[in-house]
Amino acid sequence: MAEELYKDFYEKLRYFCLSLSHDPHTAEDLVQETFLRALRHLEELGDLSHAQRRSWLCKTAKNLYIDLLRQRSREDSGGEGALPDRSVEEDFTVLAVRQLIDHLPQEERTLFELRYFQGYNSTELGELFALPPATVRARLSSARRRLKQWIGN
């Protein structure tokens, strides 16, 4: 069962974690920790369908990432929301967009990035996060509304 999980989901989970963290090392750490947790829950996962296993793994990875952000936030308290290290060649527009998006609530930010930067649709996002597609669309609408307010349009 463990080999099957790894074979079926490693690449998809790694890509998902990379889309969350934007850092290959963090993504790999998240994948490893997710599979460690899956090993502890093999019996439960064995009773789930393929799609439910994928959802379980993605939700676990997302929760681990949120925990990591909270931990970093506590460690970094006092900092004024400094941007993570980026390449010098990166365009200032991209930095401005990233800075705005980083102010969105975590769940909206994750959905927004996966929808508009990774190309997932609301049905796929709903499956990943165990949400109805209408809820995903509402949260994306809320994120767009906030961004428009912040840029003054």
N, C-alpha and C. Protein backbone atom coordinates (compact mmCIF):
# COMPACT_ATOMS: atom_id res chain seq x y z
N MET A 1 0.82 -1.19 0.00
CA MET A 1 0.00 0.00 0.00
C MET A 1 0.87 1.27 0.00
N ALA A 2 1.92 1.29 0.79
CA ALA A 2 2.79 2.46 0.86
C ALA A 2 3.46 2.72 -0.48
N GLU A 3 3.93 1.65 -1.12
CA GLU A 3 4.57 1.81 -2.44
C GLU A 3 3.58 2.34 -3.46
N GLU A 4 2.36 1.84 -3.40
CA GLU A 4 1.32 2.29 -4.33
C GLU A 4 1.03 3.77 -4.14
N LEU A 5 0.91 4.21 -2.89
CA LEU A 5 0.69 5.63 -2.61
C LEU A 5 1.81 6.48 -3.19
N TYR A 6 3.03 6.07 -2.92
CA TYR A 6 4.19 6.82 -3.38
C TYR A 6 4.21 6.88 -4.91
N LYS A 7 4.00 5.73 -5.54
CA LYS A 7 4.05 5.66 -7.00
C LYS A 7 2.93 6.51 -7.62
N ASP A 8 1.73 6.44 -7.05
CA ASP A 8 0.59 7.15 -7.62
C ASP A 8 0.59 8.65 -7.36
N PHE A 9 1.16 9.06 -6.24
CA PHE A 9 0.94 10.45 -5.83
C PHE A 9 2.19 11.29 -5.61
N TYR A 10 3.37 10.71 -5.65
CA TYR A 10 4.57 11.49 -5.32
C TYR A 10 4.69 12.75 -6.19
N GLU A 11 4.67 12.57 -7.51
CA GLU A 11 4.89 13.71 -8.41
C GLU A 11 3.79 14.76 -8.27
N LYS A 12 2.54 14.32 -8.18
CA LYS A 12 1.43 15.26 -8.03
C LYS A 12 1.53 16.02 -6.71
N LEU A 13 1.89 15.32 -5.67
CA LEU A 13 2.01 15.95 -4.36
C LEU A 13 3.19 16.92 -4.33
N ARG A 14 4.29 16.54 -4.94
CA ARG A 14 5.45 17.42 -4.99
C ARG A 14 5.10 18.72 -5.74
N TYR A 15 4.40 18.59 -6.85
CA TYR A 15 3.99 19.76 -7.63
C TYR A 15 3.05 20.63 -6.80
N PHE A 16 2.12 19.99 -6.10
CA PHE A 16 1.18 20.73 -5.26
C PHE A 16 1.92 21.50 -4.17
N CYS A 17 2.86 20.84 -3.51
CA CYS A 17 3.63 21.49 -2.43
C CYS A 17 4.50 22.61 -2.97
N LEU A 18 5.03 22.42 -4.16
CA LEU A 18 5.83 23.48 -4.78
C LEU A 18 4.96 24.69 -5.11
N SER A 19 3.73 24.44 -5.54
CA SER A 19 2.84 25.56 -5.84
C SER A 19 2.45 26.31 -4.56
N LEU A 20 2.43 25.63 -3.44
CA LEU A 20 2.14 26.29 -2.16
C LEU A 20 3.33 27.11 -1.68
N SER A 21 4.50 26.48 -1.68
CA SER A 21 5.66 27.07 -1.01
C SER A 21 6.56 27.90 -1.92
N HIS A 22 6.54 27.62 -3.20
CA HIS A 22 7.43 28.29 -4.17
C HIS A 22 8.90 28.06 -3.84
N ASP A 23 9.18 27.01 -3.11
CA ASP A 23 10.56 26.68 -2.74
C ASP A 23 10.73 25.16 -2.84
N PRO A 24 11.64 24.68 -3.69
CA PRO A 24 11.79 23.23 -3.88
C PRO A 24 12.17 22.47 -2.61
N HIS A 25 12.98 23.08 -1.77
CA HIS A 25 13.41 22.40 -0.54
C HIS A 25 12.24 22.27 0.45
N THR A 26 11.50 23.34 0.60
CA THR A 26 10.33 23.31 1.47
C THR A 26 9.30 22.32 0.93
N ALA A 27 9.10 22.34 -0.39
CA ALA A 27 8.15 21.42 -1.01
C ALA A 27 8.54 19.97 -0.73
N GLU A 28 9.81 19.65 -0.88
CA GLU A 28 10.27 18.28 -0.64
C GLU A 28 10.08 17.88 0.82
N ASP A 29 10.36 18.82 1.73
CA ASP A 29 10.14 18.55 3.15
C ASP A 29 8.66 18.27 3.43
N LEU A 30 7.78 19.05 2.81
CA LEU A 30 6.35 18.85 2.99
C LEU A 30 5.90 17.49 2.47
N VAL A 31 6.43 17.12 1.30
CA VAL A 31 6.08 15.82 0.71
C VAL A 31 6.53 14.69 1.64
N GLN A 32 7.76 14.78 2.12
CA GLN A 32 8.28 13.73 3.00
C GLN A 32 7.45 13.61 4.27
N GLU A 33 7.12 14.75 4.88
CA GLU A 33 6.34 14.72 6.11
C GLU A 33 4.93 14.19 5.84
N THR A 34 4.36 14.54 4.69
CA THR A 34 3.03 14.04 4.33
C THR A 34 3.04 12.53 4.19
N PHE A 35 4.07 11.99 3.52
CA PHE A 35 4.14 10.54 3.37
C PHE A 35 4.42 9.84 4.70
N LEU A 36 5.17 10.49 5.58
CA LEU A 36 5.36 9.91 6.91
C LEU A 36 4.02 9.80 7.65
N ARG A 37 3.22 10.83 7.52
CA ARG A 37 1.90 10.79 8.16
C ARG A 37 1.01 9.74 7.50
N ALA A 38 1.14 9.61 6.19
CA ALA A 38 0.36 8.60 5.47
C ALA A 38 0.73 7.20 5.95
N LEU A 39 2.02 6.98 6.23
CA LEU A 39 2.44 5.67 6.73
C LEU A 39 1.76 5.34 8.06
N ARG A 40 1.52 6.36 8.86
CA ARG A 40 0.86 6.15 10.15
C ARG A 40 -0.64 5.88 9.99
N HIS A 41 -1.18 6.19 8.80
CA HIS A 41 -2.61 6.04 8.56
C HIS A 41 -2.91 5.11 7.39
N LEU A 42 -2.03 4.16 7.13
CA LEU A 42 -2.19 3.27 5.98
C LEU A 42 -3.51 2.52 6.00
N GLU A 43 -3.91 2.06 7.17
CA GLU A 43 -5.15 1.29 7.25
C GLU A 43 -6.35 2.14 6.83
N GLU A 44 -6.39 3.37 7.32
CA GLU A 44 -7.48 4.28 6.95
C GLU A 44 -7.44 4.61 5.47
N LEU A 45 -6.24 4.87 4.94
CA LEU A 45 -6.10 5.21 3.53
C LEU A 45 -6.48 4.04 2.63
N GLY A 46 -6.27 2.84 3.10
CA GLY A 46 -6.63 1.66 2.32
C GLY A 46 -8.12 1.55 2.08
N ASP A 47 -8.92 2.16 2.94
CA ASP A 47 -10.38 2.12 2.80
C ASP A 47 -10.92 3.22 1.89
N LEU A 48 -10.04 4.12 1.43
CA LEU A 48 -10.47 5.26 0.63
C LEU A 48 -10.30 4.99 -0.87
N SER A 49 -11.06 5.71 -1.68
CA SER A 49 -10.89 5.63 -3.13
C SER A 49 -9.63 6.39 -3.54
N HIS A 50 -9.25 6.25 -4.79
CA HIS A 50 -8.07 6.93 -5.31
C HIS A 50 -8.18 8.45 -5.12
N ALA A 51 -9.34 9.01 -5.49
CA ALA A 51 -9.56 10.46 -5.36
C ALA A 51 -9.53 10.89 -3.89
N GLN A 52 -10.09 10.08 -3.02
CA GLN A 52 -10.09 10.42 -1.59
C GLN A 52 -8.68 10.36 -1.01
N ARG A 53 -7.87 9.43 -1.48
CA ARG A 53 -6.47 9.38 -1.03
C ARG A 53 -5.73 10.64 -1.46
N ARG A 54 -5.94 11.04 -2.72
CA ARG A 54 -5.30 12.26 -3.22
C ARG A 54 -5.72 13.46 -2.37
N SER A 55 -7.01 13.55 -2.08
CA SER A 55 -7.51 14.66 -1.26
C SER A 55 -6.90 14.63 0.13
N TRP A 56 -6.81 13.44 0.71
CA TRP A 56 -6.23 13.30 2.05
C TRP A 56 -4.78 13.77 2.05
N LEU A 57 -4.01 13.34 1.06
CA LEU A 57 -2.60 13.73 0.98
C LEU A 57 -2.46 15.24 0.78
N CYS A 58 -3.26 15.81 -0.12
CA CYS A 58 -3.16 17.25 -0.37
C CYS A 58 -3.60 18.07 0.83
N LYS A 59 -4.65 17.62 1.48
CA LYS A 59 -5.11 18.35 2.67
C LYS A 59 -4.07 18.27 3.79
N THR A 60 -3.46 17.11 3.95
CA THR A 60 -2.41 16.95 4.96
C THR A 60 -1.23 17.86 4.64
N ALA A 61 -0.81 17.88 3.36
CA ALA A 61 0.31 18.74 2.95
C ALA A 61 -0.04 20.21 3.17
N LYS A 62 -1.27 20.59 2.83
CA LYS A 62 -1.69 21.98 3.02
C LYS A 62 -1.66 22.35 4.50
N ASN A 63 -2.16 21.46 5.36
CA ASN A 63 -2.14 21.73 6.80
C ASN A 63 -0.71 21.83 7.33
N LEU A 64 0.17 20.97 6.84
CA LEU A 64 1.58 21.05 7.24
C LEU A 64 2.19 22.38 6.81
N TYR A 65 1.84 22.83 5.61
CA TYR A 65 2.36 24.10 5.12
C TYR A 65 1.84 25.26 5.97
N ILE A 66 0.58 25.22 6.33
CA ILE A 66 0.01 26.27 7.18
C ILE A 66 0.71 26.27 8.54
N ASP A 67 0.95 25.08 9.09
CA ASP A 67 1.69 24.99 10.36
C ASP A 67 3.08 25.58 10.23
N LEU A 68 3.74 25.31 9.10
CA LEU A 68 5.07 25.85 8.86
C LEU A 68 5.04 27.37 8.79
N LEU A 69 4.04 27.92 8.11
CA LEU A 69 3.91 29.38 8.02
C LEU A 69 3.67 30.00 9.39
N ARG A 70 2.85 29.34 10.18
CA ARG A 70 2.60 29.85 11.54
C ARG A 70 3.88 29.83 12.37
N GLN A 71 4.62 28.73 12.24
CA GLN A 71 5.88 28.62 12.98
C GLN A 71 6.86 29.72 12.54
N ARG A 72 6.97 29.92 11.25
CA ARG A 72 7.87 30.96 10.74
C ARG A 72 7.41 32.34 11.19
N SER A 73 6.11 32.53 11.22
CA SER A 73 5.56 33.81 11.64
C SER A 73 5.91 34.10 13.10
N ARG A 74 5.80 33.07 13.94
CA ARG A 74 6.16 33.24 15.35
C ARG A 74 7.65 33.52 15.50
N GLU A 75 8.47 32.81 14.71
CA GLU A 75 9.92 33.01 14.78
C GLU A 75 10.32 34.37 14.25
N ASP A 76 9.53 34.87 13.29
CA ASP A 76 9.87 36.09 12.59
C ASP A 76 9.13 37.30 13.15
N SER A 77 8.43 37.13 14.28
CA SER A 77 7.64 38.25 14.81
C SER A 77 8.56 39.44 15.05
N GLY A 78 8.03 40.58 14.69
CA GLY A 78 8.85 41.78 14.77
C GLY A 78 9.31 42.21 13.39
N GLY A 79 9.38 41.27 12.45
CA GLY A 79 9.72 41.61 11.08
C GLY A 79 8.51 42.26 10.43
N GLU A 80 8.72 43.11 9.45
CA GLU A 80 7.62 43.82 8.84
C GLU A 80 7.19 43.17 7.54
N GLY A 81 6.96 41.85 7.57
CA GLY A 81 6.47 41.17 6.38
C GLY A 81 7.45 41.17 5.24
N ALA A 82 8.72 41.01 5.55
CA ALA A 82 9.73 41.02 4.51
C ALA A 82 9.46 39.93 3.49
N LEU A 83 9.73 40.24 2.25
CA LEU A 83 9.55 39.26 1.19
C LEU A 83 10.62 38.19 1.27
N PRO A 84 10.29 36.95 0.88
CA PRO A 84 11.33 35.93 0.83
C PRO A 84 12.37 36.29 -0.21
N ASP A 85 13.58 35.73 -0.07
CA ASP A 85 14.64 36.00 -1.04
C ASP A 85 14.17 35.65 -2.44
N ARG A 86 14.39 36.54 -3.35
CA ARG A 86 14.01 36.35 -4.76
C ARG A 86 15.23 36.69 -5.61
N SER A 87 15.21 36.24 -6.84
CA SER A 87 16.33 36.54 -7.73
C SER A 87 16.35 38.03 -8.05
N VAL A 88 17.53 38.56 -8.30
CA VAL A 88 17.70 39.98 -8.58
C VAL A 88 17.02 40.36 -9.88
N GLU A 89 16.97 39.41 -10.84
CA GLU A 89 16.39 39.71 -12.14
C GLU A 89 14.87 39.84 -12.11
N GLU A 90 14.25 39.45 -10.99
CA GLU A 90 12.79 39.43 -10.96
C GLU A 90 12.24 40.84 -11.13
N ASP A 91 11.23 40.95 -11.96
CA ASP A 91 10.61 42.22 -12.28
C ASP A 91 9.90 42.80 -11.06
N PHE A 92 9.96 44.14 -10.91
CA PHE A 92 9.32 44.79 -9.78
C PHE A 92 7.80 44.58 -9.79
N THR A 93 7.21 44.45 -10.96
CA THR A 93 5.77 44.21 -11.05
C THR A 93 5.42 42.88 -10.40
N VAL A 94 6.23 41.87 -10.66
CA VAL A 94 6.00 40.56 -10.07
C VAL A 94 6.12 40.66 -8.54
N LEU A 95 7.08 41.43 -8.09
CA LEU A 95 7.25 41.61 -6.64
C LEU A 95 6.04 42.32 -6.04
N ALA A 96 5.54 43.33 -6.74
CA ALA A 96 4.38 44.06 -6.24
C ALA A 96 3.16 43.15 -6.17
N VAL A 97 2.97 42.34 -7.20
CA VAL A 97 1.85 41.40 -7.21
C VAL A 97 2.01 40.39 -6.08
N ARG A 98 3.20 39.84 -5.93
CA ARG A 98 3.45 38.86 -4.87
C ARG A 98 3.19 39.49 -3.51
N GLN A 99 3.61 40.73 -3.33
CA GLN A 99 3.41 41.41 -2.05
C GLN A 99 1.92 41.59 -1.75
N LEU A 100 1.14 41.95 -2.77
CA LEU A 100 -0.30 42.09 -2.57
C LEU A 100 -0.94 40.75 -2.24
N ILE A 101 -0.59 39.72 -3.00
CA ILE A 101 -1.17 38.40 -2.79
C ILE A 101 -0.80 37.86 -1.41
N ASP A 102 0.39 38.16 -0.95
CA ASP A 102 0.83 37.68 0.36
C ASP A 102 -0.01 38.24 1.50
N HIS A 103 -0.74 39.33 1.25
CA HIS A 103 -1.60 39.92 2.29
C HIS A 103 -2.97 39.26 2.36
N LEU A 104 -3.28 38.43 1.37
CA LEU A 104 -4.56 37.71 1.42
C LEU A 104 -4.54 36.70 2.56
N PRO A 105 -5.69 36.37 3.12
CA PRO A 105 -5.73 35.28 4.10
C PRO A 105 -5.18 34.01 3.46
N GLN A 106 -4.54 33.16 4.24
CA GLN A 106 -3.83 31.98 3.73
C GLN A 106 -4.69 31.14 2.79
N GLU A 107 -5.90 30.83 3.19
CA GLU A 107 -6.74 29.96 2.36
C GLU A 107 -7.07 30.62 1.03
N GLU A 108 -7.41 31.91 1.04
CA GLU A 108 -7.69 32.62 -0.21
C GLU A 108 -6.43 32.71 -1.07
N ARG A 109 -5.30 32.97 -0.45
CA ARG A 109 -4.04 33.07 -1.19
C ARG A 109 -3.72 31.75 -1.90
N THR A 110 -3.86 30.65 -1.18
CA THR A 110 -3.57 29.35 -1.77
C THR A 110 -4.49 29.07 -2.94
N LEU A 111 -5.79 29.29 -2.75
CA LEU A 111 -6.75 29.06 -3.84
C LEU A 111 -6.45 29.98 -5.02
N PHE A 112 -6.16 31.25 -4.74
CA PHE A 112 -5.87 32.22 -5.79
C PHE A 112 -4.66 31.79 -6.61
N GLU A 113 -3.58 31.42 -5.94
CA GLU A 113 -2.36 31.02 -6.64
C GLU A 113 -2.58 29.76 -7.48
N LEU A 114 -3.27 28.79 -6.91
CA LEU A 114 -3.51 27.55 -7.66
C LEU A 114 -4.43 27.79 -8.85
N ARG A 115 -5.41 28.68 -8.69
CA ARG A 115 -6.34 28.96 -9.78
C ARG A 115 -5.69 29.78 -10.88
N TYR A 116 -5.07 30.88 -10.52
CA TYR A 116 -4.62 31.83 -11.54
C TYR A 116 -3.17 31.64 -11.97
N PHE A 117 -2.35 30.97 -11.17
CA PHE A 117 -0.96 30.75 -11.56
C PHE A 117 -0.70 29.31 -11.98
N GLN A 118 -1.49 28.37 -11.45
CA GLN A 118 -1.28 26.96 -11.77
C GLN A 118 -2.36 26.41 -12.69
N GLY A 119 -3.46 27.13 -12.88
CA GLY A 119 -4.47 26.73 -13.85
C GLY A 119 -5.51 25.74 -13.37
N TYR A 120 -5.61 25.49 -12.07
CA TYR A 120 -6.65 24.60 -11.56
C TYR A 120 -8.01 25.29 -11.71
N ASN A 121 -9.06 24.52 -11.94
CA ASN A 121 -10.40 25.11 -11.97
C ASN A 121 -11.07 24.90 -10.61
N SER A 122 -12.25 25.49 -10.44
CA SER A 122 -12.90 25.44 -9.13
C SER A 122 -13.30 24.03 -8.73
N THR A 123 -13.63 23.19 -9.69
CA THR A 123 -13.98 21.81 -9.36
C THR A 123 -12.76 21.06 -8.85
N GLU A 124 -11.63 21.22 -9.52
CA GLU A 124 -10.39 20.55 -9.09
C GLU A 124 -9.95 21.06 -7.71
N LEU A 125 -10.04 22.37 -7.51
CA LEU A 125 -9.67 22.93 -6.21
C LEU A 125 -10.62 22.44 -5.13
N GLY A 126 -11.88 22.32 -5.46
CA GLY A 126 -12.84 21.79 -4.49
C GLY A 126 -12.48 20.38 -4.07
N GLU A 127 -12.05 19.56 -5.02
CA GLU A 127 -11.64 18.19 -4.69
C GLU A 127 -10.39 18.20 -3.82
N LEU A 128 -9.43 19.06 -4.15
CA LEU A 128 -8.19 19.11 -3.38
C LEU A 128 -8.41 19.53 -1.93
N PHE A 129 -9.33 20.47 -1.74
CA PHE A 129 -9.53 21.04 -0.41
C PHE A 129 -10.83 20.61 0.25
N ALA A 130 -11.51 19.64 -0.37
CA ALA A 130 -12.78 19.11 0.16
C ALA A 130 -13.79 20.24 0.38
N LEU A 131 -13.93 21.08 -0.65
CA LEU A 131 -14.89 22.18 -0.62
C LEU A 131 -15.81 22.08 -1.84
N PRO A 132 -17.04 22.55 -1.72
CA PRO A 132 -17.89 22.62 -2.91
C PRO A 132 -17.31 23.64 -3.89
N PRO A 133 -17.41 23.40 -5.19
CA PRO A 133 -16.89 24.37 -6.18
C PRO A 133 -17.45 25.77 -5.98
N ALA A 134 -18.70 25.89 -5.55
CA ALA A 134 -19.29 27.21 -5.33
C ALA A 134 -18.55 27.95 -4.21
N THR A 135 -18.12 27.23 -3.19
CA THR A 135 -17.37 27.85 -2.09
C THR A 135 -16.01 28.32 -2.60
N VAL A 136 -15.38 27.51 -3.44
CA VAL A 136 -14.09 27.90 -4.03
C VAL A 136 -14.28 29.19 -4.83
N ARG A 137 -15.32 29.23 -5.67
CA ARG A 137 -15.56 30.43 -6.48
C ARG A 137 -15.83 31.65 -5.61
N ALA A 138 -16.56 31.46 -4.51
CA ALA A 138 -16.85 32.58 -3.61
C ALA A 138 -15.57 33.10 -2.96
N ARG A 139 -14.69 32.19 -2.56
CA ARG A 139 -13.43 32.62 -1.94
C ARG A 139 -12.51 33.29 -2.94
N LEU A 140 -12.52 32.81 -4.18
CA LEU A 140 -11.73 33.47 -5.23
C LEU A 140 -12.28 34.86 -5.52
N SER A 141 -13.59 34.98 -5.52
CA SER A 141 -14.22 36.28 -5.72
C SER A 141 -13.84 37.24 -4.60
N SER A 142 -13.84 36.74 -3.38
CA SER A 142 -13.44 37.55 -2.23
C SER A 142 -11.99 38.01 -2.37
N ALA A 143 -11.13 37.10 -2.81
CA ALA A 143 -9.71 37.45 -2.99
C ALA A 143 -9.56 38.52 -4.06
N ARG A 144 -10.27 38.37 -5.18
CA ARG A 144 -10.19 39.37 -6.25
C ARG A 144 -10.70 40.72 -5.77
N ARG A 145 -11.79 40.70 -5.00
CA ARG A 145 -12.37 41.94 -4.47
C ARG A 145 -11.36 42.65 -3.55
N ARG A 146 -10.70 41.89 -2.69
CA ARG A 146 -9.70 42.48 -1.79
C ARG A 146 -8.56 43.11 -2.59
N LEU A 147 -8.08 42.35 -3.59
CA LEU A 147 -6.96 42.86 -4.39
C LEU A 147 -7.35 44.14 -5.12
N LYS A 148 -8.56 44.18 -5.66
CA LYS A 148 -9.03 45.40 -6.34
C LYS A 148 -9.09 46.58 -5.38
N GLN A 149 -9.56 46.33 -4.16
CA GLN A 149 -9.61 47.40 -3.15
C GLN A 149 -8.20 47.91 -2.87
N TRP A 150 -7.27 47.01 -2.71
CA TRP A 150 -5.91 47.39 -2.35
C TRP A 150 -5.19 48.16 -3.45
N ILE A 151 -5.54 47.87 -4.72
CA ILE A 151 -4.88 48.60 -5.79
C ILE A 151 -5.68 49.83 -6.20
N GLY A 152 -6.87 50.00 -5.59
CA GLY A 152 -7.64 51.21 -5.80
C GLY A 152 -8.51 51.21 -7.03
N ASN A 153 -8.92 50.05 -7.52
CA ASN A 153 -9.81 49.99 -8.69
C ASN A 153 -11.20 49.63 -8.28
